[in-house]
Amino acid sequence: KSIHAAEFFHGTIELCEEGTSLIMLYGEDDTRKLMDRVDNFTHML
């Protein structure tokens, strides 16, 4: 599933289970903080 970082928390978040694979593509534009939010959530999990 391809997921926009801003939309990750609107449904897809519930599919994160033990061992779920997340491949994160980090760029260098102003939306980088949206990627950080997803990454921070994985640590909270």
All heavy atoms as atom14 arrays in JSON, in Angstrom:
{
  "sequence": "KSIHAAEFFHGTIELCEEGTSLIMLYGEDDTRKLMDRVDNFTHML",
  "atom14_mask": [
    [1, 1, 1, 1, 1, 1, 1, 1, 1, 0, 0, 0, 0, 0],
    [1, 1, 1, 1, 1, 1, 0, 0, 0, 0, 0, 0, 0, 0],
    [1, 1, 1, 1, 1, 1, 1, 1, 0, 0, 0, 0, 0, 0],
    [1, 1, 1, 1, 1, 1, 1, 1, 1, 1, 0, 0, 0, 0],
    [1, 1, 1, 1, 1, 0, 0, 0, 0, 0, 0, 0, 0, 0],
    [1, 1, 1, 1, 1, 0, 0, 0, 0, 0, 0, 0, 0, 0],
    [1, 1, 1, 1, 1, 1, 1, 1, 1, 0, 0, 0, 0, 0],
    [1, 1, 1, 1, 1, 1, 1, 1, 1, 1, 1, 0, 0, 0],
    [1, 1, 1, 1, 1, 1, 1, 1, 1, 1, 1, 0, 0, 0],
    [1, 1, 1, 1, 1, 1, 1, 1, 1, 1, 0, 0, 0, 0],
    [1, 1, 1, 1, 0, 0, 0, 0, 0, 0, 0, 0, 0, 0],
    [1, 1, 1, 1, 1, 1, 1, 0, 0, 0, 0, 0, 0, 0],
    [1, 1, 1, 1, 1, 1, 1, 1, 0, 0, 0, 0, 0, 0],
    [1, 1, 1, 1, 1, 1, 1, 1, 1, 0, 0, 0, 0, 0],
    [1, 1, 1, 1, 1, 1, 1, 1, 0, 0, 0, 0, 0, 0],
    [1, 1, 1, 1, 1, 1, 0, 0, 0, 0, 0, 0, 0, 0],
    [1, 1, 1, 1, 1, 1, 1, 1, 1, 0, 0, 0, 0, 0],
    [1, 1, 1, 1, 1, 1, 1, 1, 1, 0, 0, 0, 0, 0],
    [1, 1, 1, 1, 0, 0, 0, 0, 0, 0, 0, 0, 0, 0],
    [1, 1, 1, 1, 1, 1, 1, 0, 0, 0, 0, 0, 0, 0],
    [1, 1, 1, 1, 1, 1, 0, 0, 0, 0, 0, 0, 0, 0],
    [1, 1, 1, 1, 1, 1, 1, 1, 0, 0, 0, 0, 0, 0],
    [1, 1, 1, 1, 1, 1, 1, 1, 0, 0, 0, 0, 0, 0],
    [1, 1, 1, 1, 1, 1, 1, 1, 0, 0, 0, 0, 0, 0],
    [1, 1, 1, 1, 1, 1, 1, 1, 0, 0, 0, 0, 0, 0],
    [1, 1, 1, 1, 1, 1, 1, 1, 1, 1, 1, 1, 0, 0],
    [1, 1, 1, 1, 0, 0, 0, 0, 0, 0, 0, 0, 0, 0],
    [1, 1, 1, 1, 1, 1, 1, 1, 1, 0, 0, 0, 0, 0],
    [1, 1, 1, 1, 1, 1, 1, 1, 0, 0, 0, 0, 0, 0],
    [1, 1, 1, 1, 1, 1, 1, 1, 0, 0, 0, 0, 0, 0],
    [1, 1, 1, 1, 1, 1, 1, 0, 0, 0, 0, 0, 0, 0],
    [1, 1, 1, 1, 1, 1, 1, 1, 1, 1, 1, 0, 0, 0],
    [1, 1, 1, 1, 1, 1, 1, 1, 1, 0, 0, 0, 0, 0],
    [1, 1, 1, 1, 1, 1, 1, 1, 0, 0, 0, 0, 0, 0],
    [1, 1, 1, 1, 1, 1, 1, 1, 0, 0, 0, 0, 0, 0],
    [1, 1, 1, 1, 1, 1, 1, 1, 0, 0, 0, 0, 0, 0],
    [1, 1, 1, 1, 1, 1, 1, 1, 1, 1, 1, 0, 0, 0],
    [1, 1, 1, 1, 1, 1, 1, 0, 0, 0, 0, 0, 0, 0],
    [1, 1, 1, 1, 1, 1, 1, 1, 0, 0, 0, 0, 0, 0],
    [1, 1, 1, 1, 1, 1, 1, 1, 0, 0, 0, 0, 0, 0],
    [1, 1, 1, 1, 1, 1, 1, 1, 1, 1, 1, 0, 0, 0],
    [1, 1, 1, 1, 1, 1, 1, 0, 0, 0, 0, 0, 0, 0],
    [1, 1, 1, 1, 1, 1, 1, 1, 1, 1, 0, 0, 0, 0],
    [1, 1, 1, 1, 1, 1, 1, 1, 0, 0, 0, 0, 0, 0],
    [1, 1, 1, 1, 1, 1, 1, 1, 0, 0, 0, 0, 0, 0]
  ],
  "atom14_positions": [
    [[0.85, -1.2, 0.0], [0.0, 0.0, 0.0], [0.89, 1.24, 0.0], [1.8, 1.35, 0.82], [-0.91, 0.03, 1.23], [-1.82, 1.26, 1.33], [-2.73, 1.16, 2.54], [-3.57, 2.43, 2.73], [-4.48, 2.7, 1.61], [0.0, 0.0, 0.0], [0.0, 0.0, 0.0], [0.0, 0.0, 0.0], [0.0, 0.0, 0.0], [0.0, 0.0, 0.0]],
    [[0.63, 2.14, -0.95], [1.32, 3.42, -0.93], [0.5, 4.39, -0.09], [-0.72, 4.48, -0.23], [1.49, 3.98, -2.35], [0.25, 4.05, -3.03], [0.0, 0.0, 0.0], [0.0, 0.0, 0.0], [0.0, 0.0, 0.0], [0.0, 0.0, 0.0], [0.0, 0.0, 0.0], [0.0, 0.0, 0.0], [0.0, 0.0, 0.0], [0.0, 0.0, 0.0]],
    [[1.18, 5.11, 0.81], [0.49, 5.94, 1.79], [1.15, 7.31, 1.85], [2.37, 7.42, 2.04], [0.55, 5.29, 3.19], [0.05, 3.85, 3.13], [-0.24, 6.11, 4.2], [0.59, 2.99, 4.24], [0.0, 0.0, 0.0], [0.0, 0.0, 0.0], [0.0, 0.0, 0.0], [0.0, 0.0, 0.0], [0.0, 0.0, 0.0], [0.0, 0.0, 0.0]],
    [[0.35, 8.34, 1.72], [0.86, 9.7, 1.93], [1.04, 9.9, 3.43], [0.16, 9.55, 4.23], [-0.1, 10.73, 1.36], [0.5, 12.1, 1.23], [0.81, 12.89, 2.32], [0.87, 12.8, 0.13], [1.34, 14.02, 1.9], [1.38, 14.0, 0.57], [0.0, 0.0, 0.0], [0.0, 0.0, 0.0], [0.0, 0.0, 0.0], [0.0, 0.0, 0.0]],
    [[2.18, 10.45, 3.82], [2.47, 10.62, 5.25], [1.39, 11.39, 5.98], [1.08, 11.08, 7.14], [3.82, 11.31, 5.42], [0.0, 0.0, 0.0], [0.0, 0.0, 0.0], [0.0, 0.0, 0.0], [0.0, 0.0, 0.0], [0.0, 0.0, 0.0], [0.0, 0.0, 0.0], [0.0, 0.0, 0.0], [0.0, 0.0, 0.0], [0.0, 0.0, 0.0]],
    [[0.79, 12.36, 5.32], [-0.26, 13.15, 5.96], [-1.54, 12.35, 6.17], [-2.34, 12.65, 7.05], [-0.56, 14.39, 5.13], [0.0, 0.0, 0.0], [0.0, 0.0, 0.0], [0.0, 0.0, 0.0], [0.0, 0.0, 0.0], [0.0, 0.0, 0.0], [0.0, 0.0, 0.0], [0.0, 0.0, 0.0], [0.0, 0.0, 0.0], [0.0, 0.0, 0.0]],
    [[-1.74, 11.3, 5.36], [-2.95, 10.49, 5.43], [-2.75, 9.21, 6.24], [-3.71, 8.47, 6.47], [-3.42, 10.13, 4.01], [-4.03, 11.29, 3.26], [-5.36, 11.71, 3.89], [-6.35, 10.97, 3.76], [-5.39, 12.79, 4.53], [0.0, 0.0, 0.0], [0.0, 0.0, 0.0], [0.0, 0.0, 0.0], [0.0, 0.0, 0.0], [0.0, 0.0, 0.0]],
    [[-1.52, 8.95, 6.64], [-1.21, 7.73, 7.37], [-2.09, 7.57, 8.61], [-2.51, 6.47, 8.96], [0.26, 7.74, 7.78], [0.7, 6.58, 8.63], [1.08, 5.38, 8.05], [0.72, 6.7, 10.01], [1.49, 4.32, 8.84], [1.13, 5.63, 10.81], [1.51, 4.44, 10.21], [0.0, 0.0, 0.0], [0.0, 0.0, 0.0], [0.0, 0.0, 0.0]],
    [[-2.41, 8.69, 9.26], [-3.14, 8.65, 10.52], [-4.65, 8.61, 10.33], [-5.4, 8.67, 11.3], [-2.74, 9.86, 11.37], [-1.28, 9.85, 11.74], [-0.36, 10.54, 10.97], [-0.83, 9.12, 12.83], [1.0, 10.52, 11.29], [0.52, 9.09, 13.16], [1.44, 9.79, 12.38], [0.0, 0.0, 0.0], [0.0, 0.0, 0.0], [0.0, 0.0, 0.0]],
    [[-5.11, 8.51, 9.11], [-6.54, 8.49, 8.82], [-6.97, 7.12, 8.31], [-7.55, 7.01, 7.23], [-6.89, 9.6, 7.83], [-6.56, 10.96, 8.35], [-7.4, 11.68, 9.19], [-5.45, 11.73, 8.21], [-6.84, 12.83, 9.51], [-5.65, 12.89, 8.94], [0.0, 0.0, 0.0], [0.0, 0.0, 0.0], [0.0, 0.0, 0.0], [0.0, 0.0, 0.0]],
    [[-6.67, 6.09, 9.06], [-7.09, 4.75, 8.7], [-5.97, 3.74, 8.72], [-6.03, 2.72, 9.42], [0.0, 0.0, 0.0], [0.0, 0.0, 0.0], [0.0, 0.0, 0.0], [0.0, 0.0, 0.0], [0.0, 0.0, 0.0], [0.0, 0.0, 0.0], [0.0, 0.0, 0.0], [0.0, 0.0, 0.0], [0.0, 0.0, 0.0], [0.0, 0.0, 0.0]],
    [[-4.93, 4.01, 7.96], [-3.82, 3.06, 7.83], [-3.14, 2.79, 9.17], [-2.61, 1.69, 9.39], [-2.78, 3.59, 6.82], [-3.46, 3.91, 5.61], [-1.72, 2.55, 6.53], [0.0, 0.0, 0.0], [0.0, 0.0, 0.0], [0.0, 0.0, 0.0], [0.0, 0.0, 0.0], [0.0, 0.0, 0.0], [0.0, 0.0, 0.0], [0.0, 0.0, 0.0]],
    [[-3.16, 3.75, 10.04], [-2.53, 3.62, 11.36], [-2.99, 2.34, 12.08], [-2.23, 1.71, 12.81], [-2.83, 4.87, 12.21], [-2.08, 4.84, 13.54], [-4.32, 5.03, 12.44], [-2.26, 6.12, 14.35], [0.0, 0.0, 0.0], [0.0, 0.0, 0.0], [0.0, 0.0, 0.0], [0.0, 0.0, 0.0], [0.0, 0.0, 0.0], [0.0, 0.0, 0.0]],
    [[-4.25, 1.93, 11.85], [-4.8, 0.78, 12.56], [-4.26, -0.55, 12.05], [-4.5, -1.59, 12.66], [-6.33, 0.79, 12.44], [-7.0, 1.95, 13.17], [-6.78, 1.89, 14.69], [-6.59, 0.79, 15.21], [-6.8, 2.96, 15.32], [0.0, 0.0, 0.0], [0.0, 0.0, 0.0], [0.0, 0.0, 0.0], [0.0, 0.0, 0.0], [0.0, 0.0, 0.0]],
    [[-3.54, -0.53, 10.94], [-2.98, -1.76, 10.38], [-1.55, -2.02, 10.85], [-0.93, -2.99, 10.42], [-3.01, -1.71, 8.85], [-4.41, -1.67, 8.22], [-4.3, -1.65, 6.7], [-5.26, -2.85, 8.68], [0.0, 0.0, 0.0], [0.0, 0.0, 0.0], [0.0, 0.0, 0.0], [0.0, 0.0, 0.0], [0.0, 0.0, 0.0], [0.0, 0.0, 0.0]],
    [[-1.04, -1.16, 11.72], [0.32, -1.36, 12.23], [0.31, -2.43, 13.32], [-0.2, -2.21, 14.42], [0.88, -0.05, 12.78], [1.29, 1.15, 11.51], [0.0, 0.0, 0.0], [0.0, 0.0, 0.0], [0.0, 0.0, 0.0], [0.0, 0.0, 0.0], [0.0, 0.0, 0.0], [0.0, 0.0, 0.0], [0.0, 0.0, 0.0], [0.0, 0.0, 0.0]],
    [[0.85, -3.58, 12.99], [0.94, -4.7, 13.92], [2.39, -5.07, 14.13], [3.29, -4.53, 13.46], [0.17, -5.9, 13.35], [-1.29, -5.63, 13.05], [-1.95, -6.77, 12.32], [-1.29, -7.4, 11.48], [-3.13, -7.02, 12.6], [0.0, 0.0, 0.0], [0.0, 0.0, 0.0], [0.0, 0.0, 0.0], [0.0, 0.0, 0.0], [0.0, 0.0, 0.0]],
    [[2.65, -5.98, 15.02], [4.01, -6.44, 15.28], [4.64, -6.94, 13.97], [4.09, -7.8, 13.29], [3.99, -7.58, 16.3], [5.37, -8.06, 16.71], [6.13, -7.06, 17.57], [5.47, -6.22, 18.25], [7.37, -7.11, 17.58], [0.0, 0.0, 0.0], [0.0, 0.0, 0.0], [0.0, 0.0, 0.0], [0.0, 0.0, 0.0], [0.0, 0.0, 0.0]],
    [[5.78, -6.33, 13.62], [6.51, -6.77, 12.44], [6.07, -6.16, 11.13], [6.66, -6.45, 10.08], [0.0, 0.0, 0.0], [0.0, 0.0, 0.0], [0.0, 0.0, 0.0], [0.0, 0.0, 0.0], [0.0, 0.0, 0.0], [0.0, 0.0, 0.0], [0.0, 0.0, 0.0], [0.0, 0.0, 0.0], [0.0, 0.0, 0.0], [0.0, 0.0, 0.0]],
    [[5.05, -5.28, 11.15], [4.61, -4.64, 9.9], [5.77, -3.87, 9.28], [6.52, -3.18, 9.96], [3.44, -3.67, 10.18], [2.33, -4.4, 10.68], [3.02, -2.95, 8.91], [0.0, 0.0, 0.0], [0.0, 0.0, 0.0], [0.0, 0.0, 0.0], [0.0, 0.0, 0.0], [0.0, 0.0, 0.0], [0.0, 0.0, 0.0], [0.0, 0.0, 0.0]],
    [[5.92, -4.0, 7.96], [7.02, -3.35, 7.24], [6.62, -1.97, 6.74], [5.65, -1.83, 5.99], [7.46, -4.21, 6.05], [8.36, -3.5, 5.23], [0.0, 0.0, 0.0], [0.0, 0.0, 0.0], [0.0, 0.0, 0.0], [0.0, 0.0, 0.0], [0.0, 0.0, 0.0], [0.0, 0.0, 0.0], [0.0, 0.0, 0.0], [0.0, 0.0, 0.0]],
    [[7.37, -0.96, 7.16], [7.2, 0.41, 6.67], [8.45, 0.82, 5.91], [9.55, 0.82, 6.47], [6.98, 1.39, 7.83], [5.56, 1.59, 8.36], [4.99, 0.3, 8.9], [5.55, 2.69, 9.44], [0.0, 0.0, 0.0], [0.0, 0.0, 0.0], [0.0, 0.0, 0.0], [0.0, 0.0, 0.0], [0.0, 0.0, 0.0], [0.0, 0.0, 0.0]],
    [[8.29, 1.14, 4.64], [9.39, 1.67, 3.83], [9.14, 3.16, 3.67], [8.18, 3.57, 3.03], [9.46, 0.98, 2.46], [9.67, -0.53, 2.64], [10.59, 1.58, 1.6], [9.63, -1.31, 1.33], [0.0, 0.0, 0.0], [0.0, 0.0, 0.0], [0.0, 0.0, 0.0], [0.0, 0.0, 0.0], [0.0, 0.0, 0.0], [0.0, 0.0, 0.0]],
    [[10.0, 3.98, 4.27], [9.79, 5.41, 4.31], [10.73, 6.13, 3.36], [11.95, 5.95, 3.43], [9.96, 5.93, 5.74], [9.02, 5.26, 6.74], [9.12, 5.98, 8.4], [8.47, 7.62, 8.1], [0.0, 0.0, 0.0], [0.0, 0.0, 0.0], [0.0, 0.0, 0.0], [0.0, 0.0, 0.0], [0.0, 0.0, 0.0], [0.0, 0.0, 0.0]],
    [[10.16, 6.94, 2.47], [10.94, 7.69, 1.48], [11.04, 9.14, 1.94], [10.08, 9.91, 1.82], [10.29, 7.59, 0.1], [9.99, 6.17, -0.41], [9.44, 6.22, -1.83], [11.22, 5.28, -0.33], [0.0, 0.0, 0.0], [0.0, 0.0, 0.0], [0.0, 0.0, 0.0], [0.0, 0.0, 0.0], [0.0, 0.0, 0.0], [0.0, 0.0, 0.0]],
    [[12.18, 9.49, 2.48], [12.41, 10.82, 3.03], [13.02, 11.75, 1.98], [14.06, 11.44, 1.39], [13.39, 10.73, 4.21], [12.76, 10.76, 5.57], [12.25, 9.6, 6.15], [12.68, 11.94, 6.3], [11.69, 9.61, 7.42], [12.13, 11.98, 7.57], [11.64, 10.81, 8.13], [11.09, 10.83, 9.39], [0.0, 0.0, 0.0], [0.0, 0.0, 0.0]],
    [[12.39, 12.91, 1.78], [12.94, 13.92, 0.88], [13.41, 15.13, 1.65], [13.59, 15.08, 2.88], [0.0, 0.0, 0.0], [0.0, 0.0, 0.0], [0.0, 0.0, 0.0], [0.0, 0.0, 0.0], [0.0, 0.0, 0.0], [0.0, 0.0, 0.0], [0.0, 0.0, 0.0], [0.0, 0.0, 0.0], [0.0, 0.0, 0.0], [0.0, 0.0, 0.0]],
    [[13.57, 16.26, 0.93], [14.14, 17.45, 1.55], [13.29, 18.69, 1.32], [13.8, 19.81, 1.32], [15.56, 17.65, 1.04], [16.48, 16.5, 1.38], [17.85, 16.61, 0.75], [18.6, 17.54, 1.1], [18.17, 15.76, -0.12], [0.0, 0.0, 0.0], [0.0, 0.0, 0.0], [0.0, 0.0, 0.0], [0.0, 0.0, 0.0], [0.0, 0.0, 0.0]],
    [[11.98, 18.49, 1.12], [11.09, 19.63, 0.97], [10.39, 19.92, 2.3], [10.7, 19.31, 3.33], [10.08, 19.38, -0.16], [9.27, 18.11, 0.06], [8.53, 18.05, 1.06], [9.38, 17.16, -0.74], [0.0, 0.0, 0.0], [0.0, 0.0, 0.0], [0.0, 0.0, 0.0], [0.0, 0.0, 0.0], [0.0, 0.0, 0.0], [0.0, 0.0, 0.0]],
    [[9.43, 20.81, 2.27], [8.79, 21.26, 3.51], [7.89, 20.2, 4.16], [7.41, 20.42, 5.28], [7.97, 22.52, 3.24], [8.85, 23.73, 2.95], [10.04, 23.68, 3.31], [8.35, 24.7, 2.34], [0.0, 0.0, 0.0], [0.0, 0.0, 0.0], [0.0, 0.0, 0.0], [0.0, 0.0, 0.0], [0.0, 0.0, 0.0], [0.0, 0.0, 0.0]],
    [[7.65, 19.09, 3.47], [6.79, 18.06, 4.06], [7.6, 17.03, 4.85], [7.02, 16.05, 5.34], [5.99, 17.31, 2.97], [6.88, 16.53, 2.17], [5.22, 18.29, 2.1], [0.0, 0.0, 0.0], [0.0, 0.0, 0.0], [0.0, 0.0, 0.0], [0.0, 0.0, 0.0], [0.0, 0.0, 0.0], [0.0, 0.0, 0.0], [0.0, 0.0, 0.0]],
    [[8.87, 17.25, 5.01], [9.7, 16.31, 5.75], [9.16, 16.1, 7.18], [9.22, 14.99, 7.72], [11.14, 16.81, 5.8], [12.15, 15.79, 6.33], [13.56, 16.36, 6.26], [14.5, 15.45, 6.9], [15.21, 14.51, 6.28], [15.06, 14.35, 4.97], [16.04, 13.72, 6.93], [0.0, 0.0, 0.0], [0.0, 0.0, 0.0], [0.0, 0.0, 0.0]],
    [[8.6, 17.14, 7.75], [8.04, 17.02, 9.11], [6.86, 16.06, 9.15], [6.56, 15.49, 10.22], [7.64, 18.4, 9.63], [6.64, 19.16, 8.79], [6.37, 20.53, 9.38], [5.49, 21.39, 8.48], [6.22, 21.84, 7.27], [0.0, 0.0, 0.0], [0.0, 0.0, 0.0], [0.0, 0.0, 0.0], [0.0, 0.0, 0.0], [0.0, 0.0, 0.0]],
    [[6.18, 15.88, 8.03], [5.08, 14.91, 7.99], [5.63, 13.49, 8.09], [5.01, 12.62, 8.72], [4.28, 15.06, 6.7], [3.68, 16.44, 6.42], [2.9, 16.42, 5.1], [2.77, 16.88, 7.57], [0.0, 0.0, 0.0], [0.0, 0.0, 0.0], [0.0, 0.0, 0.0], [0.0, 0.0, 0.0], [0.0, 0.0, 0.0], [0.0, 0.0, 0.0]],
    [[6.78, 13.27, 7.49], [7.43, 11.97, 7.6], [7.91, 11.74, 9.03], [7.81, 10.63, 9.56], [8.59, 11.89, 6.62], [8.21, 12.01, 5.15], [7.23, 10.6, 4.57], [8.45, 9.29, 4.64], [0.0, 0.0, 0.0], [0.0, 0.0, 0.0], [0.0, 0.0, 0.0], [0.0, 0.0, 0.0], [0.0, 0.0, 0.0], [0.0, 0.0, 0.0]],
    [[8.43, 12.8, 9.64], [8.89, 12.68, 11.03], [7.74, 12.27, 11.96], [7.95, 11.5, 12.91], [9.47, 14.02, 11.51], [10.84, 14.31, 10.92], [11.52, 13.36, 10.52], [11.21, 15.5, 10.88], [0.0, 0.0, 0.0], [0.0, 0.0, 0.0], [0.0, 0.0, 0.0], [0.0, 0.0, 0.0], [0.0, 0.0, 0.0], [0.0, 0.0, 0.0]],
    [[6.56, 12.78, 11.68], [5.41, 12.45, 12.53], [5.12, 10.94, 12.48], [4.84, 10.31, 13.5], [4.18, 13.24, 12.09], [2.98, 13.04, 13.01], [1.76, 13.77, 12.5], [0.61, 13.5, 13.37], [-0.65, 13.53, 12.96], [-0.92, 13.84, 11.69], [-1.64, 13.27, 13.79], [0.0, 0.0, 0.0], [0.0, 0.0, 0.0], [0.0, 0.0, 0.0]],
    [[5.2, 10.36, 11.26], [5.0, 8.92, 11.13], [6.1, 8.16, 11.86], [5.85, 7.2, 12.6], [4.96, 8.5, 9.65], [4.83, 6.98, 9.52], [3.81, 9.19, 8.93], [0.0, 0.0, 0.0], [0.0, 0.0, 0.0], [0.0, 0.0, 0.0], [0.0, 0.0, 0.0], [0.0, 0.0, 0.0], [0.0, 0.0, 0.0], [0.0, 0.0, 0.0]],
    [[7.33, 8.61, 11.67], [8.46, 7.95, 12.32], [8.33, 8.02, 13.85], [8.57, 7.02, 14.54], [9.76, 8.61, 11.86], [10.99, 7.85, 12.32], [10.95, 6.6, 12.32], [11.99, 8.5, 12.68], [0.0, 0.0, 0.0], [0.0, 0.0, 0.0], [0.0, 0.0, 0.0], [0.0, 0.0, 0.0], [0.0, 0.0, 0.0], [0.0, 0.0, 0.0]],
    [[7.95, 9.18, 14.36], [7.78, 9.32, 15.8], [6.7, 8.38, 16.33], [6.81, 7.85, 17.44], [7.42, 10.78, 16.15], [8.57, 11.74, 15.9], [9.73, 11.33, 15.86], [8.25, 13.01, 15.71], [0.0, 0.0, 0.0], [0.0, 0.0, 0.0], [0.0, 0.0, 0.0], [0.0, 0.0, 0.0], [0.0, 0.0, 0.0], [0.0, 0.0, 0.0]],
    [[5.66, 8.19, 15.53], [4.58, 7.29, 15.95], [5.09, 5.86, 16.11], [4.68, 5.15, 17.03], [3.44, 7.32, 14.92], [2.42, 6.24, 15.13], [1.5, 6.31, 16.17], [2.38, 5.14, 14.28], [0.57, 5.31, 16.37], [1.44, 4.12, 14.48], [0.54, 4.21, 15.51], [0.0, 0.0, 0.0], [0.0, 0.0, 0.0], [0.0, 0.0, 0.0]],
    [[5.99, 5.44, 15.24], [6.51, 4.06, 15.35], [7.27, 3.87, 16.67], [7.22, 2.78, 17.26], [7.43, 3.72, 14.16], [8.62, 4.51, 14.21], [6.72, 3.93, 12.84], [0.0, 0.0, 0.0], [0.0, 0.0, 0.0], [0.0, 0.0, 0.0], [0.0, 0.0, 0.0], [0.0, 0.0, 0.0], [0.0, 0.0, 0.0], [0.0, 0.0, 0.0]],
    [[7.93, 4.92, 17.13], [8.63, 4.83, 18.42], [7.63, 4.81, 19.58], [7.83, 4.12, 20.58], [9.6, 5.99, 18.56], [10.71, 5.97, 17.57], [11.73, 5.04, 17.61], [10.96, 6.76, 16.48], [12.56, 5.26, 16.6], [12.12, 6.29, 15.9], [0.0, 0.0, 0.0], [0.0, 0.0, 0.0], [0.0, 0.0, 0.0], [0.0, 0.0, 0.0]],
    [[6.55, 5.58, 19.43], [5.5, 5.57, 20.45], [4.85, 4.19, 20.55], [4.53, 3.72, 21.65], [4.44, 6.62, 20.12], [4.91, 8.06, 20.25], [3.67, 9.23, 19.63], [2.28, 8.85, 20.68], [0.0, 0.0, 0.0], [0.0, 0.0, 0.0], [0.0, 0.0, 0.0], [0.0, 0.0, 0.0], [0.0, 0.0, 0.0], [0.0, 0.0, 0.0]],
    [[4.66, 3.55, 19.39], [4.08, 2.2, 19.39], [4.92, 1.25, 20.23], [4.4, 0.48, 21.03], [4.01, 1.66, 17.96], [2.76, 1.92, 17.13], [2.86, 1.2, 15.8], [1.5, 1.5, 17.86], [0.0, 0.0, 0.0], [0.0, 0.0, 0.0], [0.0, 0.0, 0.0], [0.0, 0.0, 0.0], [0.0, 0.0, 0.0], [0.0, 0.0, 0.0]]
  ]
}
